[in-house]
Amino acid sequence: MHIQILIGSVRQGRIGPQIACWVKDVVSQKYSTEIIDLKDWYLPMDDEPGLPAEGIYMHKHTIAWSKKIQEADAYIFVFPQYNWGYPAALKNAIDHLYKEWNKKPAMMVSYANRGGGKAAHQLQQVLEGIHMNVTDTNLEIKLSEIKFSQSEDVTNYPESLYHYEDNLIMAMNQMYDIHSYLE
């Protein structure tokens, strides 16, 4: 199973890359993984003439995004909670496509002072709306319990993230079960 880990924040000073790196380190012990950073993708808002559900794309950036997303069997969305919601960049990236996400397993790793549950709830509704199979177990990282450094080195994540490892593995097992069931 090949899993894409999508970093859903594009803000400066973000910690999403550190969390995604930790997720990758844990998940890649068992599965093929890659990190997709939305900051690296040019995806203008609503610039395709047709509906994403039609799957007919005119712009090179959308065609490239479609091909990249189609490479995965499952997805882990790593995102912060901003004002009780998830980032607009993540919503835009999801909304660029439709069929590419359809029926694939998804898991959420949210983070905020109290874990990001409100943002995760909103994103879950969107993922179910595009017919993804979202795991029952998701991860809510409470930033009030973890101290991140301002290092540019994304591999320099706090060891305290390993406190969440059992939940991450449980959710990964659910993703694998969903993937196996759908094959």
N, C-alpha and C. Protein backbone atom coordinates (compact mmCIF):
# COMPACT_ATOMS: atom_id res chain seq x y z
N MET A 1 0.85 -1.17 0.00
CA MET A 1 0.00 0.00 0.00
C MET A 1 0.90 1.24 0.00
N HIS A 2 0.66 2.14 -0.93
CA HIS A 2 1.41 3.40 -1.02
C HIS A 2 0.55 4.52 -0.43
N ILE A 3 1.12 5.24 0.54
CA ILE A 3 0.39 6.28 1.27
C ILE A 3 1.03 7.63 1.03
N GLN A 4 0.21 8.59 0.66
CA GLN A 4 0.67 9.97 0.56
C GLN A 4 0.28 10.70 1.83
N ILE A 5 1.24 11.43 2.39
CA ILE A 5 1.03 12.23 3.59
C ILE A 5 0.98 13.68 3.12
N LEU A 6 -0.20 14.30 3.17
CA LEU A 6 -0.38 15.65 2.67
C LEU A 6 -0.26 16.67 3.79
N ILE A 7 0.65 17.63 3.62
CA ILE A 7 0.79 18.73 4.57
C ILE A 7 -0.19 19.81 4.16
N GLY A 8 -1.18 20.09 5.01
CA GLY A 8 -2.29 20.95 4.65
C GLY A 8 -2.13 22.42 4.97
N SER A 9 -1.01 22.84 5.54
CA SER A 9 -0.79 24.25 5.84
C SER A 9 0.33 24.79 4.96
N VAL A 10 0.17 26.02 4.50
CA VAL A 10 1.21 26.66 3.69
C VAL A 10 1.77 27.91 4.38
N ARG A 11 1.36 28.17 5.60
CA ARG A 11 1.82 29.36 6.34
C ARG A 11 3.31 29.30 6.63
N GLN A 12 3.92 30.46 6.78
CA GLN A 12 5.29 30.52 7.26
C GLN A 12 5.30 30.16 8.75
N GLY A 13 6.38 29.57 9.20
CA GLY A 13 6.50 29.21 10.60
C GLY A 13 5.66 28.03 11.01
N ARG A 14 5.17 27.27 10.05
CA ARG A 14 4.30 26.12 10.33
C ARG A 14 5.09 24.94 10.90
N ILE A 15 4.40 24.07 11.62
CA ILE A 15 5.03 22.86 12.16
C ILE A 15 4.54 21.61 11.44
N GLY A 16 3.66 21.77 10.48
CA GLY A 16 3.15 20.63 9.72
C GLY A 16 4.23 19.76 9.12
N PRO A 17 5.30 20.33 8.55
CA PRO A 17 6.36 19.48 8.00
C PRO A 17 7.04 18.60 9.04
N GLN A 18 7.20 19.11 10.27
CA GLN A 18 7.79 18.29 11.32
C GLN A 18 6.85 17.14 11.70
N ILE A 19 5.57 17.44 11.83
CA ILE A 19 4.61 16.39 12.18
C ILE A 19 4.53 15.37 11.05
N ALA A 20 4.49 15.84 9.80
CA ALA A 20 4.44 14.92 8.66
C ALA A 20 5.68 14.03 8.60
N CYS A 21 6.83 14.59 8.93
CA CYS A 21 8.06 13.79 8.94
C CYS A 21 7.99 12.69 10.01
N TRP A 22 7.46 13.04 11.19
CA TRP A 22 7.28 12.03 12.23
C TRP A 22 6.30 10.94 11.76
N VAL A 23 5.18 11.36 11.18
CA VAL A 23 4.20 10.39 10.67
C VAL A 23 4.87 9.47 9.65
N LYS A 24 5.63 10.05 8.75
CA LYS A 24 6.33 9.25 7.73
C LYS A 24 7.30 8.26 8.38
N ASP A 25 8.06 8.71 9.38
CA ASP A 25 9.01 7.82 10.05
C ASP A 25 8.30 6.62 10.68
N VAL A 26 7.14 6.84 11.27
CA VAL A 26 6.40 5.74 11.90
C VAL A 26 5.75 4.85 10.84
N VAL A 27 5.05 5.44 9.88
CA VAL A 27 4.27 4.69 8.90
C VAL A 27 5.16 3.95 7.91
N SER A 28 6.31 4.53 7.57
CA SER A 28 7.18 3.89 6.56
C SER A 28 7.88 2.64 7.09
N GLN A 29 7.72 2.34 8.36
CA GLN A 29 8.23 1.07 8.88
C GLN A 29 7.45 -0.11 8.31
N LYS A 30 6.23 0.17 7.84
CA LYS A 30 5.37 -0.89 7.34
C LYS A 30 4.87 -0.66 5.90
N TYR A 31 4.78 0.61 5.48
CA TYR A 31 4.19 0.94 4.18
C TYR A 31 5.09 1.88 3.39
N SER A 32 4.87 1.90 2.10
CA SER A 32 5.52 2.87 1.23
C SER A 32 4.85 4.23 1.44
N THR A 33 5.65 5.28 1.65
CA THR A 33 5.09 6.60 1.93
C THR A 33 5.81 7.69 1.14
N GLU A 34 5.14 8.79 0.97
CA GLU A 34 5.76 10.01 0.47
C GLU A 34 5.02 11.19 1.05
N ILE A 35 5.75 12.28 1.24
CA ILE A 35 5.15 13.50 1.75
C ILE A 35 4.84 14.42 0.57
N ILE A 36 3.62 14.94 0.57
CA ILE A 36 3.18 15.91 -0.42
C ILE A 36 2.95 17.22 0.34
N ASP A 37 3.74 18.23 0.04
CA ASP A 37 3.61 19.53 0.71
C ASP A 37 2.84 20.47 -0.22
N LEU A 38 1.67 20.90 0.21
CA LEU A 38 0.86 21.78 -0.63
C LEU A 38 1.58 23.08 -0.97
N LYS A 39 2.56 23.46 -0.18
CA LYS A 39 3.34 24.66 -0.46
C LYS A 39 4.09 24.53 -1.80
N ASP A 40 4.35 23.31 -2.21
CA ASP A 40 5.09 23.06 -3.45
C ASP A 40 4.21 22.96 -4.69
N TRP A 41 2.90 23.09 -4.51
CA TRP A 41 1.97 22.92 -5.63
C TRP A 41 1.24 24.23 -5.94
N TYR A 42 1.27 24.61 -7.20
CA TYR A 42 0.55 25.79 -7.66
C TYR A 42 -0.85 25.34 -8.06
N LEU A 43 -1.84 25.68 -7.24
CA LEU A 43 -3.22 25.28 -7.48
C LEU A 43 -4.14 26.48 -7.30
N PRO A 44 -4.29 27.32 -8.35
CA PRO A 44 -5.15 28.50 -8.24
C PRO A 44 -6.60 28.12 -7.95
N MET A 45 -7.28 28.99 -7.25
CA MET A 45 -8.67 28.74 -6.88
C MET A 45 -9.57 28.67 -8.12
N ASP A 46 -10.33 27.61 -8.24
CA ASP A 46 -11.40 27.49 -9.23
C ASP A 46 -11.02 27.94 -10.64
N ASP A 47 -9.88 27.48 -11.15
CA ASP A 47 -9.46 27.96 -12.47
C ASP A 47 -9.73 26.97 -13.60
N GLU A 48 -10.33 25.85 -13.32
CA GLU A 48 -10.70 24.89 -14.38
C GLU A 48 -12.09 25.23 -14.91
N PRO A 49 -12.29 25.16 -16.23
CA PRO A 49 -13.60 25.49 -16.78
C PRO A 49 -14.68 24.46 -16.45
N GLY A 50 -14.30 23.20 -16.28
CA GLY A 50 -15.27 22.15 -15.99
C GLY A 50 -15.31 21.80 -14.52
N LEU A 51 -16.28 20.98 -14.17
CA LEU A 51 -16.39 20.50 -12.80
C LEU A 51 -15.36 19.41 -12.53
N PRO A 52 -14.74 19.39 -11.36
CA PRO A 52 -13.79 18.34 -11.04
C PRO A 52 -14.40 16.93 -11.17
N ALA A 53 -15.68 16.78 -10.89
CA ALA A 53 -16.33 15.47 -10.99
C ALA A 53 -16.30 14.91 -12.41
N GLU A 54 -16.16 15.78 -13.40
CA GLU A 54 -16.08 15.33 -14.79
C GLU A 54 -14.69 14.77 -15.11
N GLY A 55 -13.68 15.20 -14.36
CA GLY A 55 -12.32 14.69 -14.56
C GLY A 55 -11.66 15.14 -15.84
N ILE A 56 -12.15 16.21 -16.45
CA ILE A 56 -11.55 16.74 -17.67
C ILE A 56 -10.83 18.03 -17.28
N TYR A 57 -9.49 17.96 -17.27
CA TYR A 57 -8.70 19.09 -16.82
C TYR A 57 -7.98 19.75 -18.00
N MET A 58 -7.93 21.07 -17.99
CA MET A 58 -7.33 21.84 -19.08
C MET A 58 -5.94 22.38 -18.71
N HIS A 59 -5.70 22.61 -17.42
CA HIS A 59 -4.46 23.26 -17.01
C HIS A 59 -3.40 22.24 -16.58
N LYS A 60 -2.15 22.53 -16.94
CA LYS A 60 -1.04 21.62 -16.62
C LYS A 60 -0.92 21.36 -15.13
N HIS A 61 -1.14 22.38 -14.30
CA HIS A 61 -1.00 22.18 -12.86
C HIS A 61 -2.06 21.22 -12.32
N THR A 62 -3.26 21.27 -12.85
CA THR A 62 -4.32 20.36 -12.40
C THR A 62 -4.05 18.94 -12.90
N ILE A 63 -3.59 18.82 -14.12
CA ILE A 63 -3.25 17.50 -14.67
C ILE A 63 -2.12 16.87 -13.86
N ALA A 64 -1.11 17.66 -13.51
CA ALA A 64 0.00 17.14 -12.70
C ALA A 64 -0.49 16.75 -11.30
N TRP A 65 -1.35 17.57 -10.71
CA TRP A 65 -1.91 17.27 -9.38
C TRP A 65 -2.73 15.98 -9.43
N SER A 66 -3.53 15.83 -10.46
CA SER A 66 -4.33 14.62 -10.64
C SER A 66 -3.44 13.38 -10.72
N LYS A 67 -2.41 13.45 -11.53
CA LYS A 67 -1.49 12.31 -11.68
C LYS A 67 -0.80 11.97 -10.36
N LYS A 68 -0.38 12.99 -9.63
CA LYS A 68 0.30 12.76 -8.35
C LYS A 68 -0.64 12.08 -7.36
N ILE A 69 -1.86 12.57 -7.24
CA ILE A 69 -2.82 12.01 -6.28
C ILE A 69 -3.22 10.59 -6.66
N GLN A 70 -3.31 10.31 -7.95
CA GLN A 70 -3.67 8.96 -8.40
C GLN A 70 -2.62 7.91 -8.04
N GLU A 71 -1.40 8.33 -7.72
CA GLU A 71 -0.33 7.39 -7.39
C GLU A 71 -0.55 6.68 -6.06
N ALA A 72 -1.38 7.24 -5.20
CA ALA A 72 -1.54 6.70 -3.85
C ALA A 72 -2.71 5.74 -3.74
N ASP A 73 -2.57 4.84 -2.77
CA ASP A 73 -3.66 3.92 -2.42
C ASP A 73 -4.46 4.46 -1.23
N ALA A 74 -3.82 5.35 -0.46
CA ALA A 74 -4.45 5.91 0.75
C ALA A 74 -3.75 7.22 1.09
N TYR A 75 -4.40 8.00 1.98
CA TYR A 75 -3.90 9.34 2.29
C TYR A 75 -3.95 9.61 3.78
N ILE A 76 -2.97 10.36 4.24
CA ILE A 76 -2.97 10.91 5.59
C ILE A 76 -2.91 12.42 5.45
N PHE A 77 -3.92 13.10 5.96
CA PHE A 77 -3.98 14.55 5.91
C PHE A 77 -3.45 15.10 7.24
N VAL A 78 -2.37 15.87 7.18
CA VAL A 78 -1.76 16.49 8.36
C VAL A 78 -2.08 17.98 8.28
N PHE A 79 -2.82 18.50 9.25
CA PHE A 79 -3.29 19.88 9.15
C PHE A 79 -3.55 20.50 10.52
N PRO A 80 -3.39 21.83 10.59
CA PRO A 80 -3.70 22.53 11.83
C PRO A 80 -5.16 22.96 11.87
N GLN A 81 -5.57 23.34 13.04
CA GLN A 81 -6.90 23.96 13.21
C GLN A 81 -6.69 25.47 13.26
N TYR A 82 -7.31 26.17 12.32
CA TYR A 82 -7.27 27.64 12.29
C TYR A 82 -8.68 28.15 12.56
N ASN A 83 -8.87 28.87 13.64
CA ASN A 83 -10.18 29.44 13.96
C ASN A 83 -11.30 28.40 13.88
N TRP A 84 -11.03 27.23 14.42
CA TRP A 84 -11.95 26.10 14.49
C TRP A 84 -12.17 25.41 13.15
N GLY A 85 -11.41 25.76 12.14
CA GLY A 85 -11.55 25.13 10.83
C GLY A 85 -10.19 24.67 10.32
N TYR A 86 -10.19 24.04 9.16
CA TYR A 86 -8.94 23.59 8.56
C TYR A 86 -8.52 24.58 7.47
N PRO A 87 -7.26 24.56 7.05
CA PRO A 87 -6.75 25.58 6.12
C PRO A 87 -7.43 25.57 4.75
N ALA A 88 -7.59 26.77 4.21
CA ALA A 88 -8.19 26.94 2.89
C ALA A 88 -7.35 26.26 1.80
N ALA A 89 -6.03 26.26 1.97
CA ALA A 89 -5.16 25.61 0.98
C ALA A 89 -5.48 24.12 0.86
N LEU A 90 -5.81 23.49 1.96
CA LEU A 90 -6.17 22.07 1.93
C LEU A 90 -7.51 21.86 1.24
N LYS A 91 -8.48 22.69 1.56
CA LYS A 91 -9.80 22.60 0.91
C LYS A 91 -9.66 22.79 -0.60
N ASN A 92 -8.87 23.77 -1.00
CA ASN A 92 -8.65 24.04 -2.42
C ASN A 92 -7.99 22.85 -3.11
N ALA A 93 -6.99 22.25 -2.48
CA ALA A 93 -6.29 21.11 -3.07
C ALA A 93 -7.23 19.91 -3.24
N ILE A 94 -8.08 19.69 -2.26
CA ILE A 94 -9.05 18.60 -2.35
C ILE A 94 -10.06 18.90 -3.45
N ASP A 95 -10.57 20.12 -3.48
CA ASP A 95 -11.62 20.50 -4.44
C ASP A 95 -11.14 20.55 -5.89
N HIS A 96 -9.84 20.56 -6.12
CA HIS A 96 -9.34 20.54 -7.50
C HIS A 96 -9.68 19.23 -8.20
N LEU A 97 -9.90 18.18 -7.43
CA LEU A 97 -10.11 16.84 -7.98
C LEU A 97 -11.40 16.25 -7.41
N TYR A 98 -11.76 15.10 -7.93
CA TYR A 98 -12.91 14.38 -7.38
C TYR A 98 -12.70 12.88 -7.49
N LYS A 99 -12.69 12.37 -8.70
CA LYS A 99 -12.60 10.92 -8.90
C LYS A 99 -11.30 10.34 -8.33
N GLU A 100 -10.26 11.14 -8.29
CA GLU A 100 -8.97 10.66 -7.80
C GLU A 100 -9.03 10.26 -6.33
N TRP A 101 -9.89 10.89 -5.57
CA TRP A 101 -10.04 10.60 -4.14
C TRP A 101 -11.05 9.47 -3.88
N ASN A 102 -11.94 9.25 -4.81
CA ASN A 102 -13.10 8.39 -4.64
C ASN A 102 -12.76 7.00 -4.12
N LYS A 103 -13.41 6.61 -3.05
CA LYS A 103 -13.35 5.28 -2.43
C LYS A 103 -11.99 4.93 -1.82
N LYS A 104 -11.09 5.88 -1.72
CA LYS A 104 -9.78 5.58 -1.13
C LYS A 104 -9.80 5.86 0.37
N PRO A 105 -9.00 5.10 1.13
CA PRO A 105 -8.92 5.32 2.58
C PRO A 105 -8.23 6.64 2.91
N ALA A 106 -8.69 7.27 3.97
CA ALA A 106 -8.10 8.51 4.44
C ALA A 106 -8.05 8.52 5.96
N MET A 107 -7.02 9.16 6.46
CA MET A 107 -6.85 9.33 7.89
C MET A 107 -6.46 10.78 8.14
N MET A 108 -6.82 11.30 9.29
CA MET A 108 -6.52 12.69 9.61
C MET A 108 -5.62 12.80 10.83
N VAL A 109 -4.64 13.68 10.72
CA VAL A 109 -3.78 14.05 11.84
C VAL A 109 -3.93 15.56 12.00
N SER A 110 -4.72 15.97 12.98
CA SER A 110 -4.93 17.40 13.22
C SER A 110 -4.08 17.83 14.41
N TYR A 111 -3.80 19.12 14.44
CA TYR A 111 -3.06 19.65 15.58
C TYR A 111 -3.50 21.06 15.89
N ALA A 112 -3.58 21.32 17.18
CA ALA A 112 -3.94 22.64 17.71
C ALA A 112 -3.69 22.59 19.21
N ASN A 113 -3.93 23.69 19.88
CA ASN A 113 -3.70 23.73 21.31
C ASN A 113 -4.42 22.60 22.03
N ARG A 114 -5.67 22.32 21.59
CA ARG A 114 -6.44 21.23 22.19
C ARG A 114 -6.61 20.03 21.26
N GLY A 115 -5.89 20.00 20.18
CA GLY A 115 -5.91 18.82 19.32
C GLY A 115 -6.50 19.01 17.93
N GLY A 116 -7.32 20.00 17.72
CA GLY A 116 -7.85 20.26 16.38
C GLY A 116 -9.08 19.45 16.00
N GLY A 117 -9.82 18.99 16.98
CA GLY A 117 -10.99 18.16 16.71
C GLY A 117 -12.08 18.84 15.90
N LYS A 118 -12.25 20.14 16.09
CA LYS A 118 -13.29 20.85 15.33
C LYS A 118 -12.93 20.89 13.84
N ALA A 119 -11.67 21.14 13.54
CA ALA A 119 -11.21 21.14 12.14
C ALA A 119 -11.31 19.74 11.55
N ALA A 120 -10.96 18.74 12.34
CA ALA A 120 -11.03 17.36 11.86
C ALA A 120 -12.47 16.96 11.54
N HIS A 121 -13.39 17.40 12.37
CA HIS A 121 -14.81 17.10 12.13
C HIS A 121 -15.26 17.70 10.80
N GLN A 122 -14.86 18.93 10.54
CA GLN A 122 -15.23 19.58 9.28
C GLN A 122 -14.61 18.87 8.09
N LEU A 123 -13.32 18.55 8.21
CA LEU A 123 -12.64 17.87 7.09
C LEU A 123 -13.25 16.49 6.85
N GLN A 124 -13.62 15.80 7.90
CA GLN A 124 -14.24 14.49 7.74
C GLN A 124 -15.51 14.58 6.88
N GLN A 125 -16.31 15.61 7.11
CA GLN A 125 -17.52 15.79 6.31
C GLN A 125 -17.18 15.97 4.83
N VAL A 126 -16.14 16.73 4.55
CA VAL A 126 -15.73 16.97 3.16
C VAL A 126 -15.21 15.67 2.54
N LEU A 127 -14.37 14.95 3.27
CA LEU A 127 -13.81 13.69 2.73
C LEU A 127 -14.91 12.67 2.47
N GLU A 128 -15.88 12.59 3.35
CA GLU A 128 -17.01 11.69 3.11
C GLU A 128 -17.84 12.18 1.93
N GLY A 129 -17.91 13.48 1.73
CA GLY A 129 -18.65 14.05 0.61
C GLY A 129 -18.05 13.70 -0.75
N ILE A 130 -16.74 13.47 -0.78
CA ILE A 130 -16.09 13.05 -2.03
C ILE A 130 -15.88 11.53 -2.03
N HIS A 131 -16.60 10.87 -1.15
CA HIS A 131 -16.68 9.40 -1.09
C HIS A 131 -15.36 8.73 -0.72
N MET A 132 -14.62 9.36 0.18
CA MET A 132 -13.44 8.72 0.74
C MET A 132 -13.88 7.89 1.94
N ASN A 133 -13.10 6.91 2.30
CA ASN A 133 -13.36 6.06 3.46
C ASN A 133 -12.45 6.50 4.59
N VAL A 134 -12.99 7.28 5.51
CA VAL A 134 -12.22 7.88 6.59
C VAL A 134 -12.16 6.90 7.77
N THR A 135 -10.98 6.75 8.33
CA THR A 135 -10.81 5.86 9.48
C THR A 135 -11.62 6.37 10.67
N ASP A 136 -12.05 5.43 11.50
CA ASP A 136 -12.74 5.81 12.74
C ASP A 136 -11.76 6.44 13.73
N THR A 137 -10.52 5.96 13.71
CA THR A 137 -9.49 6.47 14.60
C THR A 137 -8.66 7.49 13.83
N ASN A 138 -8.59 8.69 14.35
CA ASN A 138 -7.74 9.73 13.80
C ASN A 138 -6.91 10.29 14.93
N LEU A 139 -5.95 11.10 14.60
CA LEU A 139 -5.02 11.60 15.60
C LEU A 139 -5.25 13.09 15.82
N GLU A 140 -5.37 13.49 17.08
CA GLU A 140 -5.48 14.89 17.46
C GLU A 140 -4.30 15.21 18.37
N ILE A 141 -3.34 15.95 17.84
CA ILE A 141 -2.12 16.28 18.59
C ILE A 141 -2.34 17.58 19.36
N LYS A 142 -2.22 17.49 20.66
CA LYS A 142 -2.43 18.66 21.54
C LYS A 142 -1.10 19.41 21.68
N LEU A 143 -1.04 20.57 21.02
CA LEU A 143 0.19 21.35 21.05
C LEU A 143 0.51 21.88 22.44
N SER A 144 -0.49 21.95 23.31
CA SER A 144 -0.25 22.38 24.69
C SER A 144 0.63 21.37 25.43
N GLU A 145 0.77 20.16 24.90
CA GLU A 145 1.57 19.11 25.55
C GLU A 145 2.92 18.90 24.88
N ILE A 146 3.19 19.60 23.77
CA ILE A 146 4.41 19.36 22.99
C ILE A 146 5.10 20.68 22.71
N LYS A 147 6.41 20.67 22.81
CA LYS A 147 7.20 21.87 22.51
C LYS A 147 7.98 21.65 21.22
N PHE A 148 7.63 22.44 20.20
CA PHE A 148 8.32 22.38 18.92
C PHE A 148 9.42 23.44 18.89
N SER A 149 10.54 23.09 18.28
CA SER A 149 11.61 24.08 18.09
C SER A 149 11.34 24.82 16.79
N GLN A 150 11.96 25.95 16.60
CA GLN A 150 11.80 26.73 15.38
C GLN A 150 12.81 26.31 14.32
N SER A 151 13.32 25.12 14.40
CA SER A 151 14.32 24.62 13.46
C SER A 151 13.74 24.48 12.06
N GLU A 152 14.56 24.78 11.07
CA GLU A 152 14.17 24.58 9.67
C GLU A 152 14.29 23.10 9.29
N ASP A 153 14.95 22.32 10.12
CA ASP A 153 15.14 20.89 9.87
C ASP A 153 13.86 20.13 10.25
N VAL A 154 13.13 19.66 9.23
CA VAL A 154 11.85 19.00 9.51
C VAL A 154 12.03 17.66 10.22
N THR A 155 13.22 17.10 10.17
CA THR A 155 13.46 15.83 10.87
C THR A 155 13.69 16.08 12.37
N ASN A 156 13.74 17.34 12.76
CA ASN A 156 13.96 17.71 14.15
C ASN A 156 12.62 17.90 14.85
N TYR A 157 11.87 16.81 14.98
CA TYR A 157 10.57 16.89 15.65
C TYR A 157 10.72 16.43 17.10
N PRO A 158 9.82 16.89 17.97
CA PRO A 158 9.92 16.54 19.38
C PRO A 158 9.68 15.04 19.63
N GLU A 159 10.48 14.49 20.49
CA GLU A 159 10.32 13.08 20.86
C GLU A 159 8.95 12.82 21.50
N SER A 160 8.36 13.85 22.09
CA SER A 160 7.07 13.68 22.75
C SER A 160 5.96 13.31 21.76
N LEU A 161 6.20 13.46 20.46
CA LEU A 161 5.20 13.00 19.48
C LEU A 161 5.00 11.49 19.57
N TYR A 162 6.02 10.77 20.01
CA TYR A 162 5.89 9.31 20.11
C TYR A 162 4.83 8.89 21.12
N HIS A 163 4.38 9.83 21.95
CA HIS A 163 3.25 9.58 22.85
C HIS A 163 2.01 9.18 22.04
N TYR A 164 1.94 9.63 20.79
CA TYR A 164 0.78 9.39 19.92
C TYR A 164 0.98 8.19 18.98
N GLU A 165 2.10 7.52 19.10
CA GLU A 165 2.43 6.46 18.14
C GLU A 165 1.41 5.32 18.14
N ASP A 166 0.95 4.87 19.28
CA ASP A 166 -0.02 3.77 19.32
C ASP A 166 -1.30 4.12 18.57
N ASN A 167 -1.79 5.36 18.75
CA ASN A 167 -3.00 5.79 18.03
C ASN A 167 -2.75 5.86 16.53
N LEU A 168 -1.56 6.32 16.14
CA LEU A 168 -1.22 6.38 14.73
C LEU A 168 -1.20 4.98 14.12
N ILE A 169 -0.61 4.04 14.81
CA ILE A 169 -0.55 2.66 14.31
C ILE A 169 -1.95 2.05 14.24
N MET A 170 -2.79 2.33 15.24
CA MET A 170 -4.16 1.82 15.23
C MET A 170 -4.91 2.35 14.00
N ALA A 171 -4.76 3.64 13.73
CA ALA A 171 -5.42 4.23 12.56
C ALA A 171 -4.85 3.66 11.27
N MET A 172 -3.56 3.41 11.24
CA MET A 172 -2.93 2.82 10.04
C MET A 172 -3.48 1.41 9.79
N ASN A 173 -3.67 0.66 10.84
CA ASN A 173 -4.26 -0.67 10.69
C ASN A 173 -5.68 -0.58 10.13
N GLN A 174 -6.45 0.42 10.56
CA GLN A 174 -7.79 0.62 10.00
C GLN A 174 -7.71 0.98 8.52
N MET A 175 -6.73 1.83 8.16
CA MET A 175 -6.57 2.19 6.74
C MET A 175 -6.25 0.95 5.91
N TYR A 176 -5.38 0.12 6.43
CA TYR A 176 -5.02 -1.10 5.72
C TYR A 176 -6.26 -2.00 5.55
N ASP A 177 -7.05 -2.15 6.61
CA ASP A 177 -8.26 -2.96 6.54
C ASP A 177 -9.24 -2.42 5.49
N ILE A 178 -9.41 -1.10 5.47
CA ILE A 178 -10.29 -0.48 4.47
C ILE A 178 -9.76 -0.74 3.07
N HIS A 179 -8.47 -0.53 2.90
CA HIS A 179 -7.83 -0.74 1.58
C HIS A 179 -8.01 -2.19 1.13
N SER A 180 -7.77 -3.13 2.03
CA SER A 180 -7.89 -4.55 1.70
C SER A 180 -9.33 -4.92 1.34
N TYR A 181 -10.27 -4.36 2.08
CA TYR A 181 -11.69 -4.64 1.83
C TYR A 181 -12.12 -4.13 0.45
N LEU A 182 -11.57 -2.98 0.05
CA LEU A 182 -11.98 -2.37 -1.22
C LEU A 182 -11.33 -3.02 -2.44
N GLU A 183 -10.28 -3.76 -2.23
CA GLU A 183 -9.60 -4.37 -3.39
C GLU A 183 -10.35 -5.56 -3.94
